[in-house]
Amino acid sequence: MSATILSWKSDGANRSVSVRKKSAAFTTKELFEQYVNNLYESAHLGETGLAFNVFEKAVTGYTNLKLSHMVPQSSDVLTIVDFSKSSREKRMWIVNLLSKQLILNTWVAHGSGSGEEMASHFSDANDSHESSLGFYITDKVYNGKHGRSLYLDGMDEGFNSNARMRSIVVHGANYVGPAAINKQGYLGRSFGCPAVSPKVINKVINAIAGKTVIFINGNDESYYSKYLDEAGPLNLMASADTSFNFAKF
């Protein structure tokens, strides 16, 4: 497997890109950053603790997955999980990119093999009980040992492409939520699944089931993805006017 060389750059983790006056000469990069910035500010994502650069990566991948016809044109929901944050924090965000609204911000567990309070290492190996980074596409809902659950397909070869084989799914778990944090200082952990509280599992599944994009971020310098290539979004932006909405294409 050959590495994809990325041109990824960000103006900072926790601040949005400053928007220039419309009279300025825009590059496609600036137009895309302004589009992402508008989403970020409209949904008030900075106020909930989502880093701008993580959101920008997620939108880049979402756009490339749409361009690759991996998700339907009607899919306008994007989920971000940031495992660079403590499990004490609400580190899952579900955003509607068309309405520019935050649907849900909630707690999510990482795998027991990835660390205790913090997820510090990641794997796609079976029985590792570690979380896997990268882009996923949600699939069908089923009822299993954890109740109502959601299948996931990993899109990044070598990083999460074994998700189906490993039974990495979205499910509810009693070890996720304030009670678990109050008991031991951080959430309980899964076998690698992005598990959420049973109190929100139905809301989560109803919002993201059926071919929507999930991006799981973490502190791992070895992670790369062809879906983080900026060329696709920038070429799309270059062919559209300044009012273009990526969630509609």
Protein backbone atom coordinates (compact mmCIF):
# COMPACT_ATOMS: atom_id res chain seq x y z
CA MET A 1 0.00 0.00 0.00
CA SER A 2 1.53 3.31 -1.07
CA ALA A 3 1.15 6.47 0.97
CA THR A 4 -0.84 9.39 -0.38
CA ILE A 5 1.06 12.66 -0.14
CA LEU A 6 -1.27 15.25 1.31
CA SER A 7 -1.20 19.01 1.08
CA TRP A 8 -3.03 19.32 4.39
CA LYS A 9 -2.65 22.63 6.19
CA SER A 10 -4.73 24.28 8.90
CA ASP A 11 -4.83 27.75 10.37
CA GLY A 12 -5.05 26.37 13.90
CA ALA A 13 -6.84 23.82 16.03
CA ASN A 14 -9.33 25.98 17.87
CA ARG A 15 -9.89 29.10 15.82
CA SER A 16 -11.88 29.61 12.67
CA VAL A 17 -10.56 31.07 9.45
CA SER A 18 -11.02 34.81 9.15
CA VAL A 19 -13.37 35.72 6.30
CA ARG A 20 -12.21 38.34 3.83
CA LYS A 21 -14.41 40.95 2.20
CA LYS A 22 -16.27 39.77 -0.89
CA SER A 23 -14.39 42.30 -3.01
CA ALA A 24 -11.12 40.43 -2.45
CA ALA A 25 -9.72 38.03 -4.99
CA PHE A 26 -10.50 34.54 -3.71
CA THR A 27 -8.50 31.40 -4.33
CA THR A 28 -10.36 28.10 -4.33
CA LYS A 29 -8.56 27.21 -1.10
CA GLU A 30 -9.86 30.37 0.55
CA LEU A 31 -13.38 29.73 -0.73
CA PHE A 32 -13.37 26.21 0.70
CA GLU A 33 -12.01 27.44 4.03
CA GLN A 34 -14.74 30.07 4.16
CA TYR A 35 -17.37 27.44 3.39
CA VAL A 36 -16.08 25.23 6.23
CA ASN A 37 -15.76 28.26 8.50
CA ASN A 38 -19.37 29.23 7.82
CA LEU A 39 -20.55 25.74 8.77
CA TYR A 40 -18.37 25.76 11.88
CA GLU A 41 -19.64 29.10 13.11
CA SER A 42 -23.29 28.59 12.12
CA ALA A 43 -23.47 25.32 14.07
CA HIS A 44 -21.56 26.91 17.01
CA LEU A 45 -19.11 24.01 16.99
CA GLY A 46 -16.27 25.95 18.59
CA GLU A 47 -18.45 26.56 21.63
CA THR A 48 -18.85 22.81 22.10
CA GLY A 49 -15.10 22.13 21.96
CA LEU A 50 -14.72 20.76 18.43
CA ALA A 51 -11.37 21.89 17.03
CA PHE A 52 -11.64 23.69 13.70
CA ASN A 53 -8.86 21.70 12.03
CA VAL A 54 -10.56 18.40 12.96
CA PHE A 55 -13.84 19.63 11.49
CA GLU A 56 -12.07 20.81 8.34
CA LYS A 57 -10.51 17.37 7.86
CA ALA A 58 -13.90 15.73 8.36
CA VAL A 59 -15.58 17.97 5.77
CA THR A 60 -12.73 17.35 3.30
CA GLY A 61 -13.17 13.59 3.63
CA TYR A 62 -16.95 13.85 3.46
CA THR A 63 -16.64 15.82 0.21
CA ASN A 64 -14.21 13.32 -1.33
CA LEU A 65 -16.44 10.39 -0.36
CA LYS A 66 -19.34 12.09 -2.11
CA LEU A 67 -17.21 12.77 -5.16
CA SER A 68 -16.25 9.06 -5.15
CA HIS A 69 -19.96 8.12 -5.04
CA MET A 70 -19.40 6.22 -1.81
CA VAL A 71 -22.34 8.01 -0.18
CA PRO A 72 -25.57 9.19 -1.82
CA GLN A 73 -26.08 12.77 -2.90
CA SER A 74 -28.87 13.09 -0.33
CA SER A 75 -26.48 12.33 2.55
CA ASP A 76 -25.92 15.62 4.41
CA VAL A 77 -25.11 14.39 7.93
CA LEU A 78 -21.50 14.21 9.14
CA THR A 79 -20.34 12.66 12.43
CA ILE A 80 -17.02 13.58 14.04
CA VAL A 81 -15.39 11.67 16.90
CA ASP A 82 -12.24 13.21 18.37
CA PHE A 83 -10.24 10.68 20.37
CA SER A 84 -7.51 13.24 21.00
CA LYS A 85 -9.80 14.45 23.79
CA SER A 86 -10.35 12.92 27.23
CA SER A 87 -13.24 10.47 27.56
CA ARG A 88 -14.54 12.79 30.28
CA GLU A 89 -15.47 15.23 27.49
CA LYS A 90 -18.31 15.07 25.00
CA ARG A 91 -16.25 14.17 21.95
CA MET A 92 -18.84 13.02 19.40
CA TRP A 93 -20.56 15.59 17.18
CA ILE A 94 -23.35 14.91 14.67
CA VAL A 95 -23.81 17.81 12.27
CA ASN A 96 -26.33 18.45 9.49
CA LEU A 97 -24.25 20.23 6.84
CA LEU A 98 -27.28 21.30 4.83
CA SER A 99 -29.12 23.06 7.67
CA LYS A 100 -25.80 23.99 9.38
CA GLN A 101 -27.05 22.67 12.69
CA LEU A 102 -25.54 20.55 15.43
CA ILE A 103 -27.83 17.55 15.96
CA LEU A 104 -26.04 16.09 18.97
CA ASN A 105 -22.85 16.44 21.04
CA THR A 106 -22.33 13.52 23.39
CA TRP A 107 -19.89 11.16 25.11
CA VAL A 108 -18.36 8.25 23.20
CA ALA A 109 -16.11 5.43 24.42
CA HIS A 110 -12.86 4.24 22.88
CA GLY A 111 -11.43 0.73 22.90
CA SER A 112 -9.91 -0.73 26.06
CA GLY A 113 -6.70 -1.50 24.16
CA SER A 114 -6.26 2.15 23.21
CA GLY A 115 -5.83 3.52 26.72
CA GLU A 116 -7.75 4.45 29.86
CA GLU A 117 -8.95 8.05 30.06
CA MET A 118 -7.11 8.98 26.86
CA ALA A 119 -6.88 6.97 23.65
CA SER A 120 -3.16 6.98 22.90
CA HIS A 121 -2.75 4.17 20.36
CA PHE A 122 -4.89 2.67 17.62
CA SER A 123 -5.10 -0.52 15.60
CA ASP A 124 -7.19 -2.26 12.95
CA ALA A 125 -6.09 -5.71 14.12
CA ASN A 126 -8.64 -8.29 15.20
CA ASP A 127 -8.81 -8.89 18.98
CA SER A 128 -6.69 -5.79 19.66
CA HIS A 129 -9.66 -4.13 21.40
CA GLU A 130 -8.25 -0.84 20.09
CA SER A 131 -10.11 1.94 18.34
CA SER A 132 -9.41 2.58 14.66
CA LEU A 133 -8.99 6.01 13.12
CA GLY A 134 -10.32 7.30 9.83
CA PHE A 135 -13.42 7.58 7.70
CA TYR A 136 -16.36 5.22 8.01
CA ILE A 137 -19.68 4.91 6.23
CA THR A 138 -22.68 3.79 8.24
CA ASP A 139 -24.85 0.95 6.99
CA LYS A 140 -27.83 -1.00 8.30
CA VAL A 141 -29.36 -1.14 11.77
CA TYR A 142 -29.55 -4.51 13.53
CA ASN A 143 -30.39 -5.90 16.96
CA GLY A 144 -27.49 -7.68 18.65
CA LYS A 145 -26.07 -8.38 22.10
CA HIS A 146 -25.95 -4.65 22.82
CA GLY A 147 -29.48 -4.06 21.55
CA ARG A 148 -30.13 -1.75 18.63
CA SER A 149 -26.81 -1.22 16.85
CA LEU A 150 -25.39 0.14 13.61
CA TYR A 151 -22.97 -1.49 11.17
CA LEU A 152 -19.93 0.50 10.04
CA ASP A 153 -17.67 0.08 7.00
CA GLY A 154 -14.11 1.42 7.27
CA MET A 155 -12.90 3.35 4.22
CA ASP A 156 -9.19 3.67 5.05
CA GLU A 157 -7.18 0.61 4.06
CA GLY A 158 -4.76 -0.40 6.80
CA PHE A 159 -6.40 1.82 9.40
CA ASN A 160 -10.06 0.79 9.72
CA SER A 161 -10.91 -1.45 6.77
CA ASN A 162 -11.31 -4.49 9.06
CA ALA A 163 -14.27 -2.89 10.85
CA ARG A 164 -16.82 -5.44 9.63
CA MET A 165 -14.56 -8.40 10.41
CA ARG A 166 -13.86 -6.97 13.88
CA SER A 167 -17.58 -6.21 14.50
CA ILE A 168 -16.84 -2.52 15.06
CA VAL A 169 -20.30 -0.96 15.33
CA VAL A 170 -22.12 1.90 17.02
CA HIS A 171 -23.99 0.60 20.06
CA GLY A 172 -25.23 1.67 23.45
CA ALA A 173 -23.34 0.82 26.65
CA ASN A 174 -24.02 1.50 30.33
CA TYR A 175 -20.37 2.41 30.87
CA VAL A 176 -20.85 5.58 28.80
CA GLY A 177 -22.18 8.71 30.52
CA PRO A 178 -21.84 10.90 33.62
CA ALA A 179 -22.39 8.01 36.05
CA ALA A 180 -19.33 6.16 34.75
CA ILE A 181 -17.23 9.33 34.89
CA ASN A 182 -18.33 10.04 38.45
CA LYS A 183 -17.50 6.46 39.48
CA GLN A 184 -13.98 6.09 38.07
CA GLY A 185 -13.03 9.49 36.66
CA TYR A 186 -13.48 8.55 32.97
CA LEU A 187 -15.73 6.47 30.74
CA GLY A 188 -15.68 2.72 30.56
CA ARG A 189 -14.22 1.29 27.38
CA SER A 190 -15.38 -0.93 24.55
CA PHE A 191 -13.73 -3.65 22.48
CA GLY A 192 -13.00 -1.00 19.84
CA CYS A 193 -16.51 0.23 19.08
CA PRO A 194 -17.52 3.91 19.31
CA ALA A 195 -20.09 3.14 22.03
CA VAL A 196 -22.50 5.78 23.31
CA SER A 197 -24.93 6.05 26.22
CA PRO A 198 -28.10 3.90 26.01
CA LYS A 199 -30.00 7.14 26.64
CA VAL A 200 -28.96 8.53 23.24
CA ILE A 201 -28.36 5.42 21.12
CA ASN A 202 -31.69 5.65 19.32
CA LYS A 203 -31.19 9.34 18.55
CA VAL A 204 -27.68 8.63 17.27
CA ILE A 205 -28.73 5.71 15.08
CA ASN A 206 -31.78 7.51 13.71
CA ALA A 207 -29.61 10.48 12.75
CA ILE A 208 -26.71 8.66 11.07
CA ALA A 209 -27.94 5.28 9.76
CA GLY A 210 -27.95 4.53 6.05
CA LYS A 211 -24.77 5.71 4.31
CA THR A 212 -23.59 8.75 6.23
CA VAL A 213 -19.96 9.62 6.98
CA ILE A 214 -18.16 9.27 10.31
CA PHE A 215 -14.65 10.61 10.85
CA ILE A 216 -12.69 9.37 13.88
CA ASN A 217 -9.71 11.56 14.73
CA GLY A 218 -6.86 10.79 17.12
CA ASN A 219 -3.26 11.56 17.98
CA ASP A 220 -1.45 9.27 15.55
CA GLU A 221 1.09 10.77 13.16
CA SER A 222 1.11 7.60 11.06
CA TYR A 223 -2.51 8.07 9.98
CA TYR A 224 -3.14 9.28 6.45
CA SER A 225 -6.07 8.99 4.08
CA LYS A 226 -6.62 9.51 0.39
CA TYR A 227 -9.87 11.18 1.39
CA LEU A 228 -7.92 14.03 3.00
CA ASP A 229 -6.58 15.04 -0.41
CA GLU A 230 -7.72 18.64 -0.92
CA ALA A 231 -7.73 18.39 -4.72
CA GLY A 232 -11.29 17.06 -4.94
CA PRO A 233 -12.98 19.76 -2.82
CA LEU A 234 -10.90 22.52 -4.40
CA ASN A 235 -11.67 21.41 -7.96
CA LEU A 236 -15.33 21.22 -7.06
CA MET A 237 -15.20 24.69 -5.55
CA ALA A 238 -13.40 26.05 -8.62
CA SER A 239 -16.29 24.92 -10.83
CA ALA A 240 -18.98 26.51 -8.63
CA ASP A 241 -20.00 29.97 -7.53
CA THR A 242 -19.29 31.41 -4.06
CA SER A 243 -22.72 30.42 -2.74
CA PHE A 244 -22.13 26.74 -3.47
CA ASN A 245 -23.26 24.34 -0.75
CA PHE A 246 -21.23 21.12 -0.69
CA ALA A 247 -24.00 19.29 1.14
CA LYS A 248 -26.21 19.62 -1.95
CA PHE A 249 -23.89 18.35 -4.67
